[in-house]
Amino acid sequence: MIPLLVVALAGLQAPEAPLEAERRGKAFWKALAAECAVPAGESATGLVREAVSLLGSPDSEWRDDVGYGVVASCGYRKKLLRPEERRALTAELSANLRRGIGETGNDSVLLRSFSALDLSLLAALEVQDPALDEPGYRHLLDDALSYLRDERDLRGIEPRVGWIHATAHTADLLKFLARDARFAPADDTRLLEAAWSKLTRPGTPVFTHAEEERLAAALVSVARRADFDPASLDPWLARFTALEKQVWEKNPPEPGALDASQNARNLLRSFYVLLSLSQPEPTSGQAAARDKVLATLQQIRR
């Protein structure tokens, strides 16, 4: 017997994507993204199915306004997708995260990056109204962390195609996954490790399009959890002081190490600012995290 999820997923595969969707014209799709007024004879899930076929388009309007905008309108704001449709869409978008993984400098990253962005909408819905079971949630979290680790195309924006921003979009996904009740204390360490590794891996340039701010927002989701233990930050924060010491042991410092240090300091600064400014009132864990981060910043300031 074929699993029901496979059947549902097969139903979400656009038959002539993305040409079928493009034939309707941008005006149709932008109106749908604005209000999600589903025309007679159409279905929300069918229209979402067409819209997500455009996530890899080099045309930013098809990708942003339609591929993302329709899911935001019909799926997130109006909540017109049934649980089984959300599960199937999650499976499709998660599979997209591996398509062409490891490639850099071409358009394959667009499908991966914007699939992560659409998944952030579905993850936000999971916080409100879960459609995934526990294994499904764990699988999505694993996929998100793996994608953050494995994506090598780190461009933020490119004149020909517009926003690419894979790191930021994955951070958005992790931000909502970390707000979910199924996010476990052991996952705190996994997310901290993933953020550190992304910014300090050898060969990573200095991020310049607020990627570290988006990652910091995901870390704030961890710090605001009722089960957050501020002591879990201690070994992670020790890495920042160790890295600074290592970088400045040489004069002049090695460029790659200096880039890693800059990314790390930018992340820590953003984390501190968001811990200090986020609303509503800081939780006790958040306040403790803020104090620990500030102490580390004071140690590594230059």
C-alpha atoms as a PDB file:
ATOM      1  CA  MET A   1       0.000   0.000   0.000  1.00  0.00           C
ATOM      2  CA  ILE A   2       1.319   3.478  -0.894  1.00  0.00           C
ATOM      3  CA  PRO A   3       1.541   5.745   2.200  1.00  0.00           C
ATOM      4  CA  LEU A   4      -1.063   8.497   2.291  1.00  0.00           C
ATOM      5  CA  LEU A   5       1.671  11.157   2.578  1.00  0.00           C
ATOM      6  CA  VAL A   6       3.205   9.998  -0.698  1.00  0.00           C
ATOM      7  CA  VAL A   7      -0.177  10.190  -2.381  1.00  0.00           C
ATOM      8  CA  ALA A   8      -0.742  13.686  -1.022  1.00  0.00           C
ATOM      9  CA  LEU A   9       2.735  14.769  -2.024  1.00  0.00           C
ATOM     10  CA  ALA A  10       2.226  13.493  -5.530  1.00  0.00           C
ATOM     11  CA  GLY A  11      -0.905  15.640  -5.696  1.00  0.00           C
ATOM     12  CA  LEU A  12       1.171  18.712  -4.967  1.00  0.00           C
ATOM     13  CA  GLN A  13       3.525  18.261  -7.899  1.00  0.00           C
ATOM     14  CA  ALA A  14       2.671  20.925 -10.469  1.00  0.00           C
ATOM     15  CA  PRO A  15       2.298  19.135 -13.809  1.00  0.00           C
ATOM     16  CA  GLU A  16       3.940  21.797 -15.979  1.00  0.00           C
ATOM     17  CA  ALA A  17       5.630  23.893 -13.345  1.00  0.00           C
ATOM     18  CA  PRO A  18       6.433  26.685 -13.565  1.00  0.00           C
ATOM     19  CA  LEU A  19       4.966  27.448 -17.005  1.00  0.00           C
ATOM     20  CA  GLU A  20       1.442  26.526 -15.972  1.00  0.00           C
ATOM     21  CA  ALA A  21       1.545  29.062 -13.155  1.00  0.00           C
ATOM     22  CA  GLU A  22       3.090  31.790 -15.305  1.00  0.00           C
ATOM     23  CA  ARG A  23       0.280  31.566 -17.852  1.00  0.00           C
ATOM     24  CA  ARG A  24      -2.125  33.104 -15.369  1.00  0.00           C
ATOM     25  CA  GLY A  25      -0.070  36.306 -15.306  1.00  0.00           C
ATOM     26  CA  LYS A  26       1.439  38.264 -12.454  1.00  0.00           C
ATOM     27  CA  ALA A  27      -1.653  40.405 -11.867  1.00  0.00           C
ATOM     28  CA  PHE A  28      -3.711  37.293 -11.018  1.00  0.00           C
ATOM     29  CA  TRP A  29      -1.101  36.016  -8.583  1.00  0.00           C
ATOM     30  CA  LYS A  30      -0.455  39.349  -6.887  1.00  0.00           C
ATOM     31  CA  ALA A  31      -4.182  39.763  -6.257  1.00  0.00           C
ATOM     32  CA  LEU A  32      -4.287  36.273  -4.787  1.00  0.00           C
ATOM     33  CA  ALA A  33      -1.278  37.010  -2.593  1.00  0.00           C
ATOM     34  CA  ALA A  34      -3.021  40.141  -1.314  1.00  0.00           C
ATOM     35  CA  GLU A  35      -6.336  38.602  -0.276  1.00  0.00           C
ATOM     36  CA  CYS A  36      -6.399  34.899  -1.213  1.00  0.00           C
ATOM     37  CA  ALA A  37      -9.858  35.233  -2.726  1.00  0.00           C
ATOM     38  CA  VAL A  38      -9.991  31.802  -4.369  1.00  0.00           C
ATOM     39  CA  PRO A  39     -11.864  31.989  -7.694  1.00  0.00           C
ATOM     40  CA  ALA A  40     -14.834  29.723  -8.356  1.00  0.00           C
ATOM     41  CA  GLY A  41     -13.743  26.349  -9.632  1.00  0.00           C
ATOM     42  CA  GLU A  42     -10.307  26.642  -8.022  1.00  0.00           C
ATOM     43  CA  SER A  43      -8.961  25.376  -4.719  1.00  0.00           C
ATOM     44  CA  ALA A  44      -6.513  26.944  -2.298  1.00  0.00           C
ATOM     45  CA  THR A  45      -4.311  23.875  -2.310  1.00  0.00           C
ATOM     46  CA  GLY A  46      -4.251  23.764  -6.115  1.00  0.00           C
ATOM     47  CA  LEU A  47      -3.216  27.409  -6.308  1.00  0.00           C
ATOM     48  CA  VAL A  48      -0.548  26.942  -3.639  1.00  0.00           C
ATOM     49  CA  ARG A  49       0.661  23.943  -5.620  1.00  0.00           C
ATOM     50  CA  GLU A  50       1.173  26.184  -8.658  1.00  0.00           C
ATOM     51  CA  ALA A  51       2.690  29.043  -6.663  1.00  0.00           C
ATOM     52  CA  VAL A  52       5.433  26.965  -5.040  1.00  0.00           C
ATOM     53  CA  SER A  53       6.525  25.761  -8.465  1.00  0.00           C
ATOM     54  CA  LEU A  54       7.891  29.301  -8.914  1.00  0.00           C
ATOM     55  CA  LEU A  55      10.180  29.322  -5.877  1.00  0.00           C
ATOM     56  CA  GLY A  56      13.239  28.649  -8.041  1.00  0.00           C
ATOM     57  CA  SER A  57      12.478  31.341 -10.603  1.00  0.00           C
ATOM     58  CA  PRO A  58      15.240  33.891 -11.282  1.00  0.00           C
ATOM     59  CA  ASP A  59      12.449  36.479 -11.589  1.00  0.00           C
ATOM     60  CA  SER A  60      12.101  37.904  -8.077  1.00  0.00           C
ATOM     61  CA  GLU A  61       8.414  38.741  -8.540  1.00  0.00           C
ATOM     62  CA  TRP A  62       7.526  35.142  -9.361  1.00  0.00           C
ATOM     63  CA  ARG A  63       9.684  33.926  -6.503  1.00  0.00           C
ATOM     64  CA  ASP A  64       8.875  36.493  -3.794  1.00  0.00           C
ATOM     65  CA  ASP A  65       5.447  37.868  -4.632  1.00  0.00           C
ATOM     66  CA  VAL A  66       3.962  34.583  -5.818  1.00  0.00           C
ATOM     67  CA  GLY A  67       6.010  31.647  -4.525  1.00  0.00           C
ATOM     68  CA  TYR A  68       6.177  33.155  -1.062  1.00  0.00           C
ATOM     69  CA  GLY A  69       3.262  35.591  -1.119  1.00  0.00           C
ATOM     70  CA  VAL A  70       0.553  33.060  -1.980  1.00  0.00           C
ATOM     71  CA  VAL A  71       1.666  30.643   0.740  1.00  0.00           C
ATOM     72  CA  ALA A  72       1.731  33.534   3.214  1.00  0.00           C
ATOM     73  CA  SER A  73      -1.776  34.630   2.210  1.00  0.00           C
ATOM     74  CA  CYS A  74      -3.603  31.357   1.641  1.00  0.00           C
ATOM     75  CA  GLY A  75      -1.618  29.099   3.934  1.00  0.00           C
ATOM     76  CA  TYR A  76      -0.583  31.269   6.852  1.00  0.00           C
ATOM     77  CA  ARG A  77      -2.967  34.209   7.135  1.00  0.00           C
ATOM     78  CA  LYS A  78      -6.200  32.581   5.944  1.00  0.00           C
ATOM     79  CA  LYS A  79      -5.224  29.037   6.976  1.00  0.00           C
ATOM     80  CA  LEU A  80      -6.968  27.431   3.983  1.00  0.00           C
ATOM     81  CA  LEU A  81      -4.785  24.322   3.802  1.00  0.00           C
ATOM     82  CA  ARG A  82      -5.969  21.172   5.558  1.00  0.00           C
ATOM     83  CA  PRO A  83      -3.512  19.377   7.878  1.00  0.00           C
ATOM     84  CA  GLU A  84      -2.754  16.665   5.341  1.00  0.00           C
ATOM     85  CA  GLU A  85      -2.101  19.338   2.694  1.00  0.00           C
ATOM     86  CA  ARG A  86       0.268  21.154   5.027  1.00  0.00           C
ATOM     87  CA  ARG A  87       2.125  17.921   5.734  1.00  0.00           C
ATOM     88  CA  ALA A  88       2.482  17.179   2.047  1.00  0.00           C
ATOM     89  CA  LEU A  89       3.652  20.712   1.304  1.00  0.00           C
ATOM     90  CA  THR A  90       6.173  20.499   4.139  1.00  0.00           C
ATOM     91  CA  ALA A  91       7.537  17.255   2.683  1.00  0.00           C
ATOM     92  CA  GLU A  92       7.865  18.786  -0.786  1.00  0.00           C
ATOM     93  CA  LEU A  93       9.599  21.922   0.417  1.00  0.00           C
ATOM     94  CA  SER A  94      11.915  19.960   2.708  1.00  0.00           C
ATOM     95  CA  ALA A  95      12.973  17.803  -0.231  1.00  0.00           C
ATOM     96  CA  ASN A  96      13.789  21.004  -2.144  1.00  0.00           C
ATOM     97  CA  LEU A  97      16.422  21.873   0.465  1.00  0.00           C
ATOM     98  CA  ARG A  98      18.651  19.128  -0.932  1.00  0.00           C
ATOM     99  CA  ARG A  99      18.233  19.904  -4.630  1.00  0.00           C
ATOM    100  CA  GLY A 100      21.632  20.973  -5.922  1.00  0.00           C
ATOM    101  CA  ILE A 101      23.022  21.298  -2.401  1.00  0.00           C
ATOM    102  CA  GLY A 102      26.717  22.130  -2.459  1.00  0.00           C
ATOM    103  CA  GLU A 103      26.475  24.132  -5.694  1.00  0.00           C
ATOM    104  CA  THR A 104      27.442  27.797  -5.614  1.00  0.00           C
ATOM    105  CA  GLY A 105      27.129  30.767  -7.919  1.00  0.00           C
ATOM    106  CA  ASN A 106      24.162  29.485  -9.932  1.00  0.00           C
ATOM    107  CA  ASP A 107      20.380  29.707  -9.639  1.00  0.00           C
ATOM    108  CA  SER A 108      19.832  26.342  -7.943  1.00  0.00           C
ATOM    109  CA  VAL A 109      20.126  28.083  -4.575  1.00  0.00           C
ATOM    110  CA  LEU A 110      16.915  30.006  -5.208  1.00  0.00           C
ATOM    111  CA  LEU A 111      14.690  26.941  -4.898  1.00  0.00           C
ATOM    112  CA  ARG A 112      16.478  25.845  -1.740  1.00  0.00           C
ATOM    113  CA  SER A 113      16.481  29.262  -0.112  1.00  0.00           C
ATOM    114  CA  PHE A 114      12.884  30.175  -0.838  1.00  0.00           C
ATOM    115  CA  SER A 115      11.669  26.717   0.098  1.00  0.00           C
ATOM    116  CA  ALA A 116      13.235  27.397   3.508  1.00  0.00           C
ATOM    117  CA  LEU A 117      11.389  30.717   3.639  1.00  0.00           C
ATOM    118  CA  ASP A 118       8.048  29.058   2.844  1.00  0.00           C
ATOM    119  CA  LEU A 119       8.812  26.404   5.446  1.00  0.00           C
ATOM    120  CA  SER A 120       9.180  29.195   7.992  1.00  0.00           C
ATOM    121  CA  LEU A 121       5.493  30.022   7.407  1.00  0.00           C
ATOM    122  CA  LEU A 122       4.507  26.411   7.926  1.00  0.00           C
ATOM    123  CA  ALA A 123       6.664  26.223  11.057  1.00  0.00           C
ATOM    124  CA  ALA A 124       4.941  29.342  12.405  1.00  0.00           C
ATOM    125  CA  LEU A 125       1.595  27.634  11.791  1.00  0.00           C
ATOM    126  CA  GLU A 126       2.847  24.571  13.656  1.00  0.00           C
ATOM    127  CA  VAL A 127       3.292  26.706  16.774  1.00  0.00           C
ATOM    128  CA  GLN A 128      -0.370  27.710  16.599  1.00  0.00           C
ATOM    129  CA  ASP A 129      -2.000  24.570  15.208  1.00  0.00           C
ATOM    130  CA  PRO A 130       0.231  21.514  14.743  1.00  0.00           C
ATOM    131  CA  ALA A 131      -0.288  19.385  11.658  1.00  0.00           C
ATOM    132  CA  LEU A 132       2.928  17.367  12.007  1.00  0.00           C
ATOM    133  CA  ASP A 133       3.291  14.524  14.456  1.00  0.00           C
ATOM    134  CA  GLU A 134       6.363  14.322  16.695  1.00  0.00           C
ATOM    135  CA  PRO A 135       8.496  12.430  14.140  1.00  0.00           C
ATOM    136  CA  GLY A 136       7.401  14.868  11.441  1.00  0.00           C
ATOM    137  CA  TYR A 137       8.441  17.839  13.542  1.00  0.00           C
ATOM    138  CA  ARG A 138      11.781  16.232  14.404  1.00  0.00           C
ATOM    139  CA  HIS A 139      12.403  15.504  10.734  1.00  0.00           C
ATOM    140  CA  LEU A 140      11.734  19.124   9.777  1.00  0.00           C
ATOM    141  CA  LEU A 141      14.055  20.396  12.508  1.00  0.00           C
ATOM    142  CA  ASP A 142      16.783  17.995  11.366  1.00  0.00           C
ATOM    143  CA  ASP A 143      16.307  19.115   7.759  1.00  0.00           C
ATOM    144  CA  ALA A 144      16.563  22.787   8.724  1.00  0.00           C
ATOM    145  CA  LEU A 145      19.751  22.291  10.731  1.00  0.00           C
ATOM    146  CA  SER A 146      21.277  20.167   7.981  1.00  0.00           C
ATOM    147  CA  TYR A 147      20.437  22.768   5.366  1.00  0.00           C
ATOM    148  CA  LEU A 148      21.989  25.572   7.426  1.00  0.00           C
ATOM    149  CA  ARG A 149      25.137  23.459   7.724  1.00  0.00           C
ATOM    150  CA  ASP A 150      25.348  22.287   4.114  1.00  0.00           C
ATOM    151  CA  GLU A 151      24.351  25.322   2.047  1.00  0.00           C
ATOM    152  CA  ARG A 152      27.469  26.757   0.444  1.00  0.00           C
ATOM    153  CA  ASP A 153      25.933  29.594  -1.565  1.00  0.00           C
ATOM    154  CA  LEU A 154      26.114  32.465   0.908  1.00  0.00           C
ATOM    155  CA  ARG A 155      25.142  35.362  -1.352  1.00  0.00           C
ATOM    156  CA  GLY A 156      22.706  37.817   0.183  1.00  0.00           C
ATOM    157  CA  ILE A 157      21.521  39.727  -2.867  1.00  0.00           C
ATOM    158  CA  GLU A 158      22.537  39.680  -6.510  1.00  0.00           C
ATOM    159  CA  PRO A 159      21.536  42.324  -9.081  1.00  0.00           C
ATOM    160  CA  ARG A 160      20.223  39.875 -11.673  1.00  0.00           C
ATOM    161  CA  VAL A 161      17.922  37.844  -9.408  1.00  0.00           C
ATOM    162  CA  GLY A 162      17.462  39.985  -6.297  1.00  0.00           C
ATOM    163  CA  TRP A 163      17.406  38.434  -2.850  1.00  0.00           C
ATOM    164  CA  ILE A 164      18.981  35.007  -2.400  1.00  0.00           C
ATOM    165  CA  HIS A 165      19.591  35.092   1.369  1.00  0.00           C
ATOM    166  CA  ALA A 166      19.667  31.362   2.129  1.00  0.00           C
ATOM    167  CA  THR A 167      21.243  31.818   5.552  1.00  0.00           C
ATOM    168  CA  ALA A 168      18.664  34.387   6.625  1.00  0.00           C
ATOM    169  CA  HIS A 169      15.730  32.337   5.327  1.00  0.00           C
ATOM    170  CA  THR A 170      16.942  29.247   7.164  1.00  0.00           C
ATOM    171  CA  ALA A 171      17.337  31.328  10.315  1.00  0.00           C
ATOM    172  CA  ASP A 172      13.690  32.387   9.962  1.00  0.00           C
ATOM    173  CA  LEU A 173      12.675  28.732   9.754  1.00  0.00           C
ATOM    174  CA  LEU A 174      14.707  27.861  12.845  1.00  0.00           C
ATOM    175  CA  LYS A 175      13.272  30.831  14.729  1.00  0.00           C
ATOM    176  CA  PHE A 176       9.786  29.362  14.535  1.00  0.00           C
ATOM    177  CA  LEU A 177      10.885  25.776  15.043  1.00  0.00           C
ATOM    178  CA  ALA A 178      12.522  26.901  18.293  1.00  0.00           C
ATOM    179  CA  ARG A 179       9.210  28.333  19.510  1.00  0.00           C
ATOM    180  CA  ASP A 180       7.479  24.992  19.127  1.00  0.00           C
ATOM    181  CA  ALA A 181       6.591  23.009  22.253  1.00  0.00           C
ATOM    182  CA  ARG A 182       8.377  20.003  20.724  1.00  0.00           C
ATOM    183  CA  PHE A 183      11.728  21.790  20.616  1.00  0.00           C
ATOM    184  CA  ALA A 184      13.641  20.029  23.396  1.00  0.00           C
ATOM    185  CA  PRO A 185      16.353  21.371  25.744  1.00  0.00           C
ATOM    186  CA  ALA A 186      18.891  19.220  23.886  1.00  0.00           C
ATOM    187  CA  ASP A 187      17.993  21.153  20.736  1.00  0.00           C
ATOM    188  CA  ASP A 188      19.261  24.366  22.343  1.00  0.00           C
ATOM    189  CA  THR A 189      22.817  23.143  21.961  1.00  0.00           C
ATOM    190  CA  ARG A 190      22.196  21.975  18.405  1.00  0.00           C
ATOM    191  CA  LEU A 191      20.954  25.399  17.339  1.00  0.00           C
ATOM    192  CA  LEU A 192      23.748  27.241  19.119  1.00  0.00           C
ATOM    193  CA  GLU A 193      26.280  24.964  17.432  1.00  0.00           C
ATOM    194  CA  ALA A 194      24.644  25.445  14.030  1.00  0.00           C
ATOM    195  CA  ALA A 195      24.740  29.241  14.305  1.00  0.00           C
ATOM    196  CA  TRP A 196      28.370  29.237  15.429  1.00  0.00           C
ATOM    197  CA  SER A 197      29.470  26.859  12.694  1.00  0.00           C
ATOM    198  CA  LYS A 198      27.681  28.789   9.970  1.00  0.00           C
ATOM    199  CA  LEU A 199      29.446  32.017  10.809  1.00  0.00           C
ATOM    200  CA  THR A 200      32.929  30.745  11.647  1.00  0.00           C
ATOM    201  CA  ARG A 201      33.519  27.866   9.212  1.00  0.00           C
ATOM    202  CA  PRO A 202      36.824  28.321   7.352  1.00  0.00           C
ATOM    203  CA  GLY A 203      36.283  30.130   4.076  1.00  0.00           C
ATOM    204  CA  THR A 204      33.084  31.891   5.184  1.00  0.00           C
ATOM    205  CA  PRO A 205      33.182  35.593   4.279  1.00  0.00           C
ATOM    206  CA  VAL A 206      31.887  38.351   6.510  1.00  0.00           C
ATOM    207  CA  PHE A 207      28.103  38.446   6.136  1.00  0.00           C
ATOM    208  CA  THR A 208      26.831  41.873   5.121  1.00  0.00           C
ATOM    209  CA  HIS A 209      23.065  41.457   4.676  1.00  0.00           C
ATOM    210  CA  ALA A 210      21.882  41.006   8.288  1.00  0.00           C
ATOM    211  CA  GLU A 211      22.265  37.225   8.265  1.00  0.00           C
ATOM    212  CA  GLU A 212      23.714  37.339  11.769  1.00  0.00           C
ATOM    213  CA  GLU A 213      20.695  39.321  12.981  1.00  0.00           C
ATOM    214  CA  ARG A 214      18.311  36.700  11.658  1.00  0.00           C
ATOM    215  CA  LEU A 215      20.340  33.944  13.330  1.00  0.00           C
ATOM    216  CA  ALA A 216      20.321  35.951  16.549  1.00  0.00           C
ATOM    217  CA  ALA A 217      16.519  36.130  16.370  1.00  0.00           C
ATOM    218  CA  ALA A 218      16.422  32.331  16.266  1.00  0.00           C
ATOM    219  CA  LEU A 219      18.628  32.230  19.361  1.00  0.00           C
ATOM    220  CA  VAL A 220      16.276  34.632  21.152  1.00  0.00           C
ATOM    221  CA  SER A 221      13.470  32.126  20.545  1.00  0.00           C
ATOM    222  CA  VAL A 222      15.580  29.622  22.477  1.00  0.00           C
ATOM    223  CA  ALA A 223      16.355  32.046  25.310  1.00  0.00           C
ATOM    224  CA  ARG A 224      12.678  32.891  25.795  1.00  0.00           C
ATOM    225  CA  ARG A 225      11.607  29.278  26.274  1.00  0.00           C
ATOM    226  CA  ALA A 226      10.351  28.258  29.709  1.00  0.00           C
ATOM    227  CA  ASP A 227      12.709  25.263  29.681  1.00  0.00           C
ATOM    228  CA  PHE A 228      15.796  27.288  28.722  1.00  0.00           C
ATOM    229  CA  ASP A 229      18.790  26.839  31.008  1.00  0.00           C
ATOM    230  CA  PRO A 230      21.076  29.909  30.825  1.00  0.00           C
ATOM    231  CA  ALA A 231      24.023  27.738  31.878  1.00  0.00           C
ATOM    232  CA  SER A 232      23.795  26.036  28.480  1.00  0.00           C
ATOM    233  CA  LEU A 233      25.251  29.240  27.006  1.00  0.00           C
ATOM    234  CA  ASP A 234      28.483  29.054  28.981  1.00  0.00           C
ATOM    235  CA  PRO A 235      30.498  26.650  26.767  1.00  0.00           C
ATOM    236  CA  TRP A 236      29.168  28.373  23.664  1.00  0.00           C
ATOM    237  CA  LEU A 237      30.160  31.831  24.884  1.00  0.00           C
ATOM    238  CA  ALA A 238      33.603  30.539  25.830  1.00  0.00           C
ATOM    239  CA  ARG A 239      34.195  29.935  22.133  1.00  0.00           C
ATOM    240  CA  PHE A 240      33.991  33.662  21.427  1.00  0.00           C
ATOM    241  CA  THR A 241      36.768  34.553  23.826  1.00  0.00           C
ATOM    242  CA  ALA A 242      38.875  31.622  22.623  1.00  0.00           C
ATOM    243  CA  LEU A 243      38.453  32.677  18.999  1.00  0.00           C
ATOM    244  CA  GLU A 244      39.438  36.266  19.750  1.00  0.00           C
ATOM    245  CA  LYS A 245      42.567  35.099  21.516  1.00  0.00           C
ATOM    246  CA  GLN A 246      43.452  32.798  18.631  1.00  0.00           C
ATOM    247  CA  VAL A 247      42.911  35.492  15.992  1.00  0.00           C
ATOM    248  CA  TRP A 248      45.131  38.076  17.665  1.00  0.00           C
ATOM    249  CA  GLU A 249      47.969  35.703  18.481  1.00  0.00           C
ATOM    250  CA  LYS A 250      49.276  36.585  15.029  1.00  0.00           C
ATOM    251  CA  ASN A 251      50.117  40.078  13.847  1.00  0.00           C
ATOM    252  CA  PRO A 252      48.700  40.728  11.394  1.00  0.00           C
ATOM    253  CA  PRO A 253      45.912  38.186  11.862  1.00  0.00           C
ATOM    254  CA  GLU A 254      45.058  35.722   9.120  1.00  0.00           C
ATOM    255  CA  PRO A 255      42.243  37.083   6.904  1.00  0.00           C
ATOM    256  CA  GLY A 256      40.074  33.971   7.253  1.00  0.00           C
ATOM    257  CA  ALA A 257      40.348  33.971  11.033  1.00  0.00           C
ATOM    258  CA  LEU A 258      39.588  37.690  11.076  1.00  0.00           C
ATOM    259  CA  ASP A 259      36.443  37.096   9.017  1.00  0.00           C
ATOM    260  CA  ALA A 260      35.301  34.397  11.437  1.00  0.00           C
ATOM    261  CA  SER A 261      35.965  36.712  14.379  1.00  0.00           C
ATOM    262  CA  GLN A 262      33.982  39.521  12.771  1.00  0.00           C
ATOM    263  CA  ASN A 263      31.021  37.263  12.070  1.00  0.00           C
ATOM    264  CA  ALA A 264      31.113  35.919  15.619  1.00  0.00           C
ATOM    265  CA  ARG A 265      31.206  39.380  17.171  1.00  0.00           C
ATOM    266  CA  ASN A 266      28.401  40.574  14.901  1.00  0.00           C
ATOM    267  CA  LEU A 267      26.268  37.617  15.973  1.00  0.00           C
ATOM    268  CA  LEU A 268      26.924  38.246  19.647  1.00  0.00           C
ATOM    269  CA  ARG A 269      26.156  41.956  19.345  1.00  0.00           C
ATOM    270  CA  SER A 270      22.901  41.246  17.523  1.00  0.00           C
ATOM    271  CA  PHE A 271      21.990  38.606  20.091  1.00  0.00           C
ATOM    272  CA  TYR A 272      22.545  41.085  22.923  1.00  0.00           C
ATOM    273  CA  VAL A 273      20.496  43.820  21.258  1.00  0.00           C
ATOM    274  CA  LEU A 274      17.566  41.495  20.539  1.00  0.00           C
ATOM    275  CA  LEU A 275      17.690  40.028  24.043  1.00  0.00           C
ATOM    276  CA  SER A 276      17.501  43.586  25.370  1.00  0.00           C
ATOM    277  CA  LEU A 277      14.762  44.883  23.071  1.00  0.00           C
ATOM    278  CA  SER A 278      12.415  41.945  22.486  1.00  0.00           C
ATOM    279  CA  GLN A 279       8.863  42.189  23.697  1.00  0.00           C
ATOM    280  CA  PRO A 280       6.972  41.247  25.837  1.00  0.00           C
ATOM    281  CA  GLU A 281       8.925  41.601  29.071  1.00  0.00           C
ATOM    282  CA  PRO A 282      12.075  39.477  29.212  1.00  0.00           C
ATOM    283  CA  THR A 283      11.756  36.077  30.837  1.00  0.00           C
ATOM    284  CA  SER A 284      14.163  35.239  33.659  1.00  0.00           C
ATOM    285  CA  GLY A 285      16.131  33.007  31.297  1.00  0.00           C
ATOM    286  CA  GLN A 286      16.292  35.733  28.698  1.00  0.00           C
ATOM    287  CA  ALA A 287      17.536  38.271  31.247  1.00  0.00           C
ATOM    288  CA  ALA A 288      20.215  35.852  32.430  1.00  0.00           C
ATOM    289  CA  ALA A 289      21.257  35.192  28.829  1.00  0.00           C
ATOM    290  CA  ARG A 290      21.483  38.928  28.159  1.00  0.00           C
ATOM    291  CA  ASP A 291      23.803  39.402  31.147  1.00  0.00           C
ATOM    292  CA  LYS A 292      26.033  36.512  30.086  1.00  0.00           C
ATOM    293  CA  VAL A 293      26.253  37.800  26.521  1.00  0.00           C
ATOM    294  CA  LEU A 294      27.096  41.310  27.731  1.00  0.00           C
ATOM    295  CA  ALA A 295      29.890  39.959  29.933  1.00  0.00           C
ATOM    296  CA  THR A 296      31.354  38.131  26.947  1.00  0.00           C
ATOM    297  CA  LEU A 297      31.115  41.218  24.749  1.00  0.00           C
ATOM    298  CA  GLN A 298      32.997  43.187  27.348  1.00  0.00           C
ATOM    299  CA  GLN A 299      35.777  40.604  27.277  1.00  0.00           C
ATOM    300  CA  ILE A 300      36.214  40.609  23.516  1.00  0.00           C
ATOM    301  CA  ARG A 301      35.628  44.277  22.680  1.00  0.00           C
ATOM    302  CA  ARG A 302      38.327  46.113  20.778  1.00  0.00           C
END
